[in-house]
Amino acid sequence: MRTIQTKKEYIALSNRIDDLLVLVDNNTSSDDKNFIELDLLSDLVADYEEANEPIKAPTLIEAMKLRMYERGLNQKRLSELLGVSTSRVSEYLTGKSEPPLKTARDISQKLDIDPMIVLGVN
């Protein structure tokens, strides 16, 4: 089976997928020509993205901000949860300082963030 060779092909096929998504929905028959084309192109694009544009692990800052958003926490509430000052939380969230090991452990456990992300290990 053919694969996507260039970024230009990738962009063209991604645009075609956008066009097909307007024509195909959950009620479209699996033997519909648009459904079949969408299915094939989606696989090609997914393979290209996996090989050429891998998803990187989030940084600690990104992970903390996401968890804060998901749990409705502001900096003050997070500082209370971690037992540190709000200014210290601000430093962690801006990258001005890194949390010491005890705080890093608390961030991992209390915010359910993978320890590898907290330690910056890829």
Protein backbone atom coordinates (compact mmCIF):
# COMPACT_ATOMS: atom_id res chain seq x y z
CA MET A 1 0.00 0.00 0.00
CA ARG A 2 1.21 3.50 -0.78
CA THR A 3 2.28 5.86 1.99
CA ILE A 4 2.41 9.63 2.23
CA GLN A 5 5.87 10.79 1.16
CA THR A 6 5.82 14.57 1.59
CA LYS A 7 4.33 17.28 3.77
CA LYS A 8 2.52 18.59 0.66
CA GLU A 9 0.78 15.22 0.18
CA TYR A 10 -0.07 15.16 3.87
CA ILE A 11 -1.69 18.60 3.71
CA ALA A 12 -3.63 17.72 0.55
CA LEU A 13 -4.98 14.51 2.07
CA SER A 14 -5.82 16.24 5.35
CA ASN A 15 -7.83 18.81 3.40
CA ARG A 16 -9.62 16.03 1.51
CA ILE A 17 -10.48 14.40 4.85
CA ASP A 18 -12.03 17.69 5.97
CA ASP A 19 -14.15 17.70 2.81
CA LEU A 20 -15.25 14.10 3.36
CA LEU A 21 -16.19 14.71 6.99
CA VAL A 22 -18.97 16.97 5.73
CA LEU A 23 -20.33 14.13 3.60
CA VAL A 24 -19.93 11.22 6.03
CA ASP A 25 -21.62 10.83 9.39
CA ASN A 26 -22.50 8.02 11.79
CA ASN A 27 -25.41 6.98 9.58
CA THR A 28 -23.34 6.61 6.40
CA SER A 29 -23.17 3.06 5.12
CA SER A 30 -19.75 1.40 5.29
CA ASP A 31 -19.97 0.57 1.58
CA ASP A 32 -20.51 4.23 0.60
CA LYS A 33 -17.67 5.49 -1.64
CA ASN A 34 -17.11 8.57 0.56
CA PHE A 35 -16.97 6.42 3.69
CA ILE A 36 -14.43 4.08 2.08
CA GLU A 37 -12.29 6.98 0.87
CA LEU A 38 -12.40 8.64 4.29
CA ASP A 39 -11.41 5.40 5.99
CA LEU A 40 -8.42 4.84 3.69
CA LEU A 41 -7.19 8.43 3.81
CA SER A 42 -7.54 8.55 7.59
CA ASP A 43 -5.28 5.52 7.92
CA LEU A 44 -2.68 7.05 5.60
CA VAL A 45 -2.69 10.35 7.48
CA ALA A 46 -2.52 8.62 10.87
CA ASP A 47 0.49 6.56 9.75
CA TYR A 48 2.23 9.70 8.46
CA GLU A 49 1.56 11.60 11.70
CA GLU A 50 2.79 8.72 13.83
CA ALA A 51 6.05 8.54 11.87
CA ASN A 52 6.68 12.24 11.27
CA GLU A 53 4.83 14.21 13.91
CA PRO A 54 4.86 12.19 17.12
CA ILE A 55 3.00 13.57 20.11
CA LYS A 56 5.47 14.73 22.72
CA ALA A 57 4.99 14.14 26.41
CA PRO A 58 3.64 17.23 28.17
CA THR A 59 5.88 19.35 30.34
CA LEU A 60 5.26 19.56 34.06
CA ILE A 61 3.84 23.06 33.60
CA GLU A 62 1.39 21.87 30.92
CA ALA A 63 0.35 18.87 33.01
CA MET A 64 -0.18 20.98 36.14
CA LYS A 65 -2.24 23.59 34.27
CA LEU A 66 -4.37 20.87 32.71
CA ARG A 67 -5.04 19.20 36.07
CA MET A 68 -5.84 22.57 37.63
CA TYR A 69 -8.35 23.24 34.88
CA GLU A 70 -9.88 19.75 35.10
CA ARG A 71 -10.27 20.00 38.87
CA GLY A 72 -11.30 23.65 39.02
CA LEU A 73 -8.25 24.65 41.06
CA ASN A 74 -6.77 28.12 41.18
CA GLN A 75 -3.23 28.87 42.38
CA LYS A 76 -4.40 29.58 45.92
CA ARG A 77 -6.26 26.27 46.21
CA LEU A 78 -3.34 24.37 44.64
CA SER A 79 -0.93 25.98 47.11
CA GLU A 80 -3.14 24.79 49.98
CA LEU A 81 -3.32 21.28 48.49
CA LEU A 82 0.48 21.10 48.16
CA GLY A 83 1.29 22.94 51.39
CA VAL A 84 3.37 25.64 49.70
CA SER A 85 2.90 29.36 49.18
CA THR A 86 0.96 30.77 46.23
CA SER A 87 4.11 32.55 45.08
CA ARG A 88 5.92 29.19 45.02
CA VAL A 89 3.11 27.66 42.91
CA SER A 90 3.39 30.65 40.59
CA GLU A 91 7.12 29.98 40.21
CA TYR A 92 6.43 26.33 39.33
CA LEU A 93 3.77 27.31 36.78
CA THR A 94 5.99 29.89 35.08
CA GLY A 95 9.10 27.71 35.10
CA LYS A 96 11.06 30.09 37.33
CA SER A 97 11.79 27.26 39.75
CA GLU A 98 11.36 23.53 40.00
CA PRO A 99 9.66 21.83 42.92
CA PRO A 100 11.85 20.04 45.47
CA LEU A 101 11.49 16.25 45.63
CA LYS A 102 8.84 16.23 48.39
CA THR A 103 6.68 18.75 46.55
CA ALA A 104 7.25 16.93 43.26
CA ARG A 105 5.99 13.74 44.91
CA ASP A 106 2.92 15.61 46.19
CA ILE A 107 2.26 17.06 42.72
CA SER A 108 2.46 13.59 41.22
CA GLN A 109 0.19 11.99 43.81
CA LYS A 110 -2.32 14.76 44.46
CA LEU A 111 -2.73 15.85 40.84
CA ASP A 112 -2.33 12.33 39.43
CA ILE A 113 0.54 13.33 37.12
CA ASP A 114 2.94 10.65 35.92
CA PRO A 115 6.15 10.79 37.99
CA MET A 116 8.23 10.70 34.79
CA ILE A 117 6.61 14.00 33.73
CA VAL A 118 7.15 15.53 37.17
CA LEU A 119 10.82 14.55 37.09
CA GLY A 120 11.26 15.65 33.49
CA VAL A 121 12.35 12.18 32.36
CA ASN A 122 11.49 11.23 28.77
